[in-house]
Amino acid sequence: STNAQIKRDGKMRWLVLQAEPEVIWPKVKRYRREEGFSLKLENPTLGIMETSWAENRADLPQQGLRKLLGKVFDALHSTSTRDKFRVRLERSSAAGQTELYLTHQGVEEVVKGKEFVWQGRPSDPELEAVMLNRLMVFLGIEKQQADTLLATAKDASVARVQLTHTKEGQVNLIVREEFARAWRRTGLALDQMGF
């Protein structure tokens, strides 16, 4: 069993786990494999694990067990959306804790002229929450407790950024918050954009 807290800042949520990153990493990797995701990127030194693109099959008619996401392309049914997920583990400033960030990226197939092309679509915070919940349950947190943690995570967001311009025309971003929080939010934003 792993003790966990959910932190929230606006629509972004992340886990704080009572274990070292070296303990959490193999569990998250096993979860990804058991859920049927193939990994495109796996770097334990940086603490980043990213899945390959998976077809979103939630809305397709299925016989038998209905899966949320699948990688197998069906010749008769194909969706026009794909999803991938990135998990980033970061050693917390508190001893023995790990912060786990899960972010989603999506693309959709659109018509441009006479052909179909893939273009990015906004990340889905609710899908991130669902995947975070499933990961918590896999890590040993009771489903009811995981649901409660997600539902009761307090939003700590406040207006804290401003763009300024110098006389020379340079643009500066002023962030009014402690470094650790600014670092966390910047990391999440970069994850969501796929950097």
C-alpha atoms as a PDB file:
ATOM      1  CA  SER A   1       0.000   0.000   0.000  1.00  0.00           C
ATOM      2  CA  THR A   2       1.282   3.479  -0.890  1.00  0.00           C
ATOM      3  CA  ASN A   3       0.257   6.585   1.029  1.00  0.00           C
ATOM      4  CA  ALA A   4      -0.669   9.412  -1.321  1.00  0.00           C
ATOM      5  CA  GLN A   5      -2.027  12.932  -1.427  1.00  0.00           C
ATOM      6  CA  ILE A   6      -3.448  14.742  -4.420  1.00  0.00           C
ATOM      7  CA  LYS A   7      -2.397  18.322  -4.990  1.00  0.00           C
ATOM      8  CA  ARG A   8      -4.259  20.614  -7.338  1.00  0.00           C
ATOM      9  CA  ASP A   9      -3.519  23.900  -9.037  1.00  0.00           C
ATOM     10  CA  GLY A  10      -6.333  25.005 -11.344  1.00  0.00           C
ATOM     11  CA  LYS A  11      -7.114  22.043 -13.603  1.00  0.00           C
ATOM     12  CA  MET A  12      -3.735  20.424 -12.937  1.00  0.00           C
ATOM     13  CA  ARG A  13      -3.487  17.598 -10.412  1.00  0.00           C
ATOM     14  CA  TRP A  14      -0.513  15.586  -9.220  1.00  0.00           C
ATOM     15  CA  LEU A  15       0.254  12.919  -6.660  1.00  0.00           C
ATOM     16  CA  VAL A  16       2.564  13.174  -3.691  1.00  0.00           C
ATOM     17  CA  LEU A  17       3.596   9.634  -2.757  1.00  0.00           C
ATOM     18  CA  GLN A  18       5.291   8.496   0.454  1.00  0.00           C
ATOM     19  CA  ALA A  19       8.070   6.607  -1.306  1.00  0.00           C
ATOM     20  CA  GLU A  20      11.315   7.289  -3.148  1.00  0.00           C
ATOM     21  CA  PRO A  21      11.228   7.657  -6.976  1.00  0.00           C
ATOM     22  CA  GLU A  22      13.299   4.449  -7.300  1.00  0.00           C
ATOM     23  CA  VAL A  23      10.451   2.542  -5.615  1.00  0.00           C
ATOM     24  CA  ILE A  24       7.662   4.182  -7.625  1.00  0.00           C
ATOM     25  CA  TRP A  25       9.304   3.917 -11.090  1.00  0.00           C
ATOM     26  CA  PRO A  26       9.023   0.108 -11.583  1.00  0.00           C
ATOM     27  CA  LYS A  27       5.428   0.138 -10.319  1.00  0.00           C
ATOM     28  CA  VAL A  28       4.396   2.801 -12.823  1.00  0.00           C
ATOM     29  CA  LYS A  29       6.204   0.926 -15.595  1.00  0.00           C
ATOM     30  CA  ARG A  30       4.368  -2.296 -14.683  1.00  0.00           C
ATOM     31  CA  TYR A  31       1.052  -0.386 -14.632  1.00  0.00           C
ATOM     32  CA  ARG A  32       1.696   0.922 -18.155  1.00  0.00           C
ATOM     33  CA  ARG A  33       2.446  -2.583 -19.438  1.00  0.00           C
ATOM     34  CA  GLU A  34      -0.607  -4.136 -17.761  1.00  0.00           C
ATOM     35  CA  GLU A  35      -2.855  -1.390 -19.182  1.00  0.00           C
ATOM     36  CA  GLY A  36      -1.579  -2.256 -22.662  1.00  0.00           C
ATOM     37  CA  PHE A  37       0.449   0.877 -23.366  1.00  0.00           C
ATOM     38  CA  SER A  38       3.746   0.639 -25.179  1.00  0.00           C
ATOM     39  CA  LEU A  39       6.413   3.065 -24.024  1.00  0.00           C
ATOM     40  CA  LYS A  40       7.969   5.444 -26.534  1.00  0.00           C
ATOM     41  CA  LEU A  41      10.222   7.148 -23.980  1.00  0.00           C
ATOM     42  CA  GLU A  42      11.590   5.740 -20.755  1.00  0.00           C
ATOM     43  CA  ASN A  43      14.283   7.635 -18.857  1.00  0.00           C
ATOM     44  CA  PRO A  44      14.526   6.818 -15.125  1.00  0.00           C
ATOM     45  CA  THR A  45      17.380   9.319 -14.657  1.00  0.00           C
ATOM     46  CA  LEU A  46      15.096  12.165 -15.758  1.00  0.00           C
ATOM     47  CA  GLY A  47      12.039  10.449 -14.276  1.00  0.00           C
ATOM     48  CA  ILE A  48      10.075  10.603 -17.553  1.00  0.00           C
ATOM     49  CA  MET A  49       7.967   7.831 -19.064  1.00  0.00           C
ATOM     50  CA  GLU A  50       5.857   8.476 -22.173  1.00  0.00           C
ATOM     51  CA  THR A  51       3.500   6.145 -24.006  1.00  0.00           C
ATOM     52  CA  SER A  52       3.212   5.762 -27.748  1.00  0.00           C
ATOM     53  CA  TRP A  53       0.110   7.150 -29.429  1.00  0.00           C
ATOM     54  CA  ALA A  54      -2.949   5.019 -28.653  1.00  0.00           C
ATOM     55  CA  GLU A  55      -6.252   5.023 -30.489  1.00  0.00           C
ATOM     56  CA  ASN A  56      -9.087   6.294 -28.312  1.00  0.00           C
ATOM     57  CA  ARG A  57     -11.720   3.588 -28.604  1.00  0.00           C
ATOM     58  CA  ALA A  58     -14.151   4.789 -25.931  1.00  0.00           C
ATOM     59  CA  ASP A  59     -16.901   5.622 -28.425  1.00  0.00           C
ATOM     60  CA  LEU A  60     -16.589   2.612 -30.719  1.00  0.00           C
ATOM     61  CA  PRO A  61     -19.105  -0.253 -30.589  1.00  0.00           C
ATOM     62  CA  GLN A  62     -17.320  -3.223 -29.023  1.00  0.00           C
ATOM     63  CA  GLN A  63     -18.282  -6.806 -28.355  1.00  0.00           C
ATOM     64  CA  GLY A  64     -17.342  -8.290 -25.020  1.00  0.00           C
ATOM     65  CA  LEU A  65     -15.172  -6.204 -22.732  1.00  0.00           C
ATOM     66  CA  ARG A  66     -15.187  -2.532 -23.668  1.00  0.00           C
ATOM     67  CA  LYS A  67     -11.767  -0.916 -23.303  1.00  0.00           C
ATOM     68  CA  LEU A  68     -11.098   2.763 -22.710  1.00  0.00           C
ATOM     69  CA  LEU A  69      -7.975   2.895 -24.859  1.00  0.00           C
ATOM     70  CA  GLY A  70      -6.451   0.413 -27.273  1.00  0.00           C
ATOM     71  CA  LYS A  71      -3.548   0.287 -29.682  1.00  0.00           C
ATOM     72  CA  VAL A  72      -4.959  -2.148 -32.220  1.00  0.00           C
ATOM     73  CA  PHE A  73      -6.416  -0.511 -35.323  1.00  0.00           C
ATOM     74  CA  ASP A  74      -9.646  -2.153 -36.425  1.00  0.00           C
ATOM     75  CA  ALA A  75     -10.203  -2.244 -40.204  1.00  0.00           C
ATOM     76  CA  LEU A  76     -13.969  -1.708 -39.805  1.00  0.00           C
ATOM     77  CA  HIS A  77     -13.925   0.912 -37.062  1.00  0.00           C
ATOM     78  CA  SER A  78     -11.367   3.632 -36.756  1.00  0.00           C
ATOM     79  CA  THR A  79     -11.517   6.732 -34.618  1.00  0.00           C
ATOM     80  CA  SER A  80     -10.086  10.057 -35.574  1.00  0.00           C
ATOM     81  CA  THR A  81      -8.394  10.717 -32.231  1.00  0.00           C
ATOM     82  CA  ARG A  82      -5.189   9.458 -30.631  1.00  0.00           C
ATOM     83  CA  ASP A  83      -3.888   9.933 -27.105  1.00  0.00           C
ATOM     84  CA  LYS A  84      -0.615   9.554 -25.280  1.00  0.00           C
ATOM     85  CA  PHE A  85       0.353  10.068 -21.683  1.00  0.00           C
ATOM     86  CA  ARG A  86       3.497  11.227 -19.961  1.00  0.00           C
ATOM     87  CA  VAL A  87       4.372  10.417 -16.367  1.00  0.00           C
ATOM     88  CA  ARG A  88       7.080  12.462 -14.703  1.00  0.00           C
ATOM     89  CA  LEU A  89       8.491  11.572 -11.289  1.00  0.00           C
ATOM     90  CA  GLU A  90      10.238  14.223  -9.246  1.00  0.00           C
ATOM     91  CA  ARG A  91      11.904  13.860  -5.870  1.00  0.00           C
ATOM     92  CA  SER A  92       9.966  16.054  -3.445  1.00  0.00           C
ATOM     93  CA  SER A  93      11.610  18.631  -1.211  1.00  0.00           C
ATOM     94  CA  ALA A  94      10.312  16.572   1.740  1.00  0.00           C
ATOM     95  CA  ALA A  95      12.458  13.525   2.498  1.00  0.00           C
ATOM     96  CA  GLY A  96      11.119  10.191   1.255  1.00  0.00           C
ATOM     97  CA  GLN A  97       8.427  11.684  -0.991  1.00  0.00           C
ATOM     98  CA  THR A  98       7.913  11.606  -4.754  1.00  0.00           C
ATOM     99  CA  GLU A  99       5.759  13.920  -6.824  1.00  0.00           C
ATOM    100  CA  LEU A 100       4.090  12.169  -9.775  1.00  0.00           C
ATOM    101  CA  TYR A 101       2.744  14.222 -12.683  1.00  0.00           C
ATOM    102  CA  LEU A 102       0.549  12.637 -15.346  1.00  0.00           C
ATOM    103  CA  THR A 103      -0.244  14.631 -18.469  1.00  0.00           C
ATOM    104  CA  HIS A 104      -2.223  13.918 -21.615  1.00  0.00           C
ATOM    105  CA  GLN A 105      -1.608  14.897 -25.222  1.00  0.00           C
ATOM    106  CA  GLY A 106      -4.119  14.353 -27.985  1.00  0.00           C
ATOM    107  CA  VAL A 107      -4.346  14.644 -31.751  1.00  0.00           C
ATOM    108  CA  GLU A 108      -7.287  14.437 -34.095  1.00  0.00           C
ATOM    109  CA  GLU A 109      -7.592  13.671 -37.768  1.00  0.00           C
ATOM    110  CA  VAL A 110      -8.964  16.561 -39.797  1.00  0.00           C
ATOM    111  CA  VAL A 111      -9.586  17.158 -43.487  1.00  0.00           C
ATOM    112  CA  LYS A 112      -7.237  19.608 -45.194  1.00  0.00           C
ATOM    113  CA  GLY A 113      -8.041  19.910 -48.850  1.00  0.00           C
ATOM    114  CA  LYS A 114      -8.285  16.397 -50.236  1.00  0.00           C
ATOM    115  CA  GLU A 115      -6.342  14.615 -47.520  1.00  0.00           C
ATOM    116  CA  PHE A 116      -6.537  13.796 -43.837  1.00  0.00           C
ATOM    117  CA  VAL A 117      -3.886  15.188 -41.487  1.00  0.00           C
ATOM    118  CA  TRP A 118      -3.258  14.901 -37.758  1.00  0.00           C
ATOM    119  CA  GLN A 119      -3.383  18.059 -35.675  1.00  0.00           C
ATOM    120  CA  GLY A 120      -3.001  18.649 -31.956  1.00  0.00           C
ATOM    121  CA  ARG A 121      -6.018  19.054 -29.734  1.00  0.00           C
ATOM    122  CA  PRO A 122      -6.115  20.462 -26.191  1.00  0.00           C
ATOM    123  CA  SER A 123      -5.032  18.244 -23.317  1.00  0.00           C
ATOM    124  CA  ASP A 124      -7.946  16.741 -21.400  1.00  0.00           C
ATOM    125  CA  PRO A 125      -7.729  17.383 -17.616  1.00  0.00           C
ATOM    126  CA  GLU A 126     -10.642  15.018 -16.966  1.00  0.00           C
ATOM    127  CA  LEU A 127      -8.952  12.180 -18.848  1.00  0.00           C
ATOM    128  CA  GLU A 128      -5.789  12.942 -16.858  1.00  0.00           C
ATOM    129  CA  ALA A 129      -7.843  12.666 -13.653  1.00  0.00           C
ATOM    130  CA  VAL A 130      -9.292   9.305 -14.754  1.00  0.00           C
ATOM    131  CA  MET A 131      -5.824   7.948 -15.559  1.00  0.00           C
ATOM    132  CA  LEU A 132      -4.427   9.321 -12.291  1.00  0.00           C
ATOM    133  CA  ASN A 133      -7.251   7.590 -10.413  1.00  0.00           C
ATOM    134  CA  ARG A 134      -6.551   4.268 -12.165  1.00  0.00           C
ATOM    135  CA  LEU A 135      -2.848   4.608 -11.392  1.00  0.00           C
ATOM    136  CA  MET A 136      -3.588   5.275  -7.696  1.00  0.00           C
ATOM    137  CA  VAL A 137      -5.722   2.144  -7.498  1.00  0.00           C
ATOM    138  CA  PHE A 138      -2.929   0.155  -9.165  1.00  0.00           C
ATOM    139  CA  LEU A 139      -0.454   1.503  -6.587  1.00  0.00           C
ATOM    140  CA  GLY A 140      -2.611   0.059  -3.809  1.00  0.00           C
ATOM    141  CA  ILE A 141      -4.928   2.895  -2.858  1.00  0.00           C
ATOM    142  CA  GLU A 142      -8.526   1.802  -2.316  1.00  0.00           C
ATOM    143  CA  LYS A 143     -10.822   2.915  -5.167  1.00  0.00           C
ATOM    144  CA  GLN A 144     -13.120   4.822  -2.808  1.00  0.00           C
ATOM    145  CA  GLN A 145     -10.166   6.622  -1.205  1.00  0.00           C
ATOM    146  CA  ALA A 146      -8.728   7.485  -4.643  1.00  0.00           C
ATOM    147  CA  ASP A 147     -12.114   8.900  -5.740  1.00  0.00           C
ATOM    148  CA  THR A 148     -12.313  10.943  -2.527  1.00  0.00           C
ATOM    149  CA  LEU A 149      -8.772  12.269  -2.920  1.00  0.00           C
ATOM    150  CA  LEU A 150      -9.500  13.439  -6.470  1.00  0.00           C
ATOM    151  CA  ALA A 151     -12.827  15.009  -5.508  1.00  0.00           C
ATOM    152  CA  THR A 152     -11.539  16.871  -2.451  1.00  0.00           C
ATOM    153  CA  ALA A 153      -8.206  18.158  -3.783  1.00  0.00           C
ATOM    154  CA  LYS A 154      -8.283  21.874  -3.029  1.00  0.00           C
ATOM    155  CA  ASP A 155      -7.475  24.318  -5.811  1.00  0.00           C
ATOM    156  CA  ALA A 156      -4.558  26.531  -4.809  1.00  0.00           C
ATOM    157  CA  SER A 157      -4.520  28.665  -7.969  1.00  0.00           C
ATOM    158  CA  VAL A 158      -4.433  32.452  -7.910  1.00  0.00           C
ATOM    159  CA  ALA A 159      -3.605  35.062 -10.545  1.00  0.00           C
ATOM    160  CA  ARG A 160       0.179  35.182 -10.466  1.00  0.00           C
ATOM    161  CA  VAL A 161       1.644  35.837 -13.918  1.00  0.00           C
ATOM    162  CA  GLN A 162       2.181  38.956 -15.975  1.00  0.00           C
ATOM    163  CA  LEU A 163       3.816  39.726 -19.316  1.00  0.00           C
ATOM    164  CA  THR A 164       5.915  42.889 -19.406  1.00  0.00           C
ATOM    165  CA  HIS A 165       7.761  44.619 -22.228  1.00  0.00           C
ATOM    166  CA  THR A 166      11.122  46.361 -21.972  1.00  0.00           C
ATOM    167  CA  LYS A 167      11.929  49.555 -23.886  1.00  0.00           C
ATOM    168  CA  GLU A 168      13.925  47.377 -26.297  1.00  0.00           C
ATOM    169  CA  GLY A 169      10.829  45.287 -27.083  1.00  0.00           C
ATOM    170  CA  GLN A 170      11.863  42.203 -25.102  1.00  0.00           C
ATOM    171  CA  VAL A 171       9.004  40.284 -23.478  1.00  0.00           C
ATOM    172  CA  ASN A 172       9.397  39.119 -19.874  1.00  0.00           C
ATOM    173  CA  LEU A 173       7.196  36.739 -17.942  1.00  0.00           C
ATOM    174  CA  ILE A 174       6.881  37.682 -14.268  1.00  0.00           C
ATOM    175  CA  VAL A 175       5.793  34.815 -12.000  1.00  0.00           C
ATOM    176  CA  ARG A 176       4.725  35.824  -8.490  1.00  0.00           C
ATOM    177  CA  GLU A 177       5.099  32.642  -6.493  1.00  0.00           C
ATOM    178  CA  GLU A 178       7.718  30.543  -4.771  1.00  0.00           C
ATOM    179  CA  PHE A 179      10.296  28.867  -6.980  1.00  0.00           C
ATOM    180  CA  ALA A 180       9.181  25.266  -6.267  1.00  0.00           C
ATOM    181  CA  ARG A 181       5.606  25.998  -7.325  1.00  0.00           C
ATOM    182  CA  ALA A 182       6.662  27.948 -10.426  1.00  0.00           C
ATOM    183  CA  TRP A 183       8.989  25.080 -11.362  1.00  0.00           C
ATOM    184  CA  ARG A 184       6.181  22.518 -10.934  1.00  0.00           C
ATOM    185  CA  ARG A 185       3.677  24.476 -13.029  1.00  0.00           C
ATOM    186  CA  THR A 186       6.256  25.160 -15.753  1.00  0.00           C
ATOM    187  CA  GLY A 187       7.116  21.446 -15.864  1.00  0.00           C
ATOM    188  CA  LEU A 188       3.447  20.491 -16.192  1.00  0.00           C
ATOM    189  CA  ALA A 189       2.892  23.038 -18.958  1.00  0.00           C
ATOM    190  CA  LEU A 190       5.931  21.737 -20.876  1.00  0.00           C
ATOM    191  CA  ASP A 191       4.749  18.146 -20.385  1.00  0.00           C
ATOM    192  CA  GLN A 192       1.325  18.998 -21.787  1.00  0.00           C
ATOM    193  CA  MET A 193       2.923  20.598 -24.855  1.00  0.00           C
ATOM    194  CA  GLY A 194       5.110  17.507 -25.389  1.00  0.00           C
ATOM    195  CA  PHE A 195       8.541  19.007 -24.666  1.00  0.00           C
END
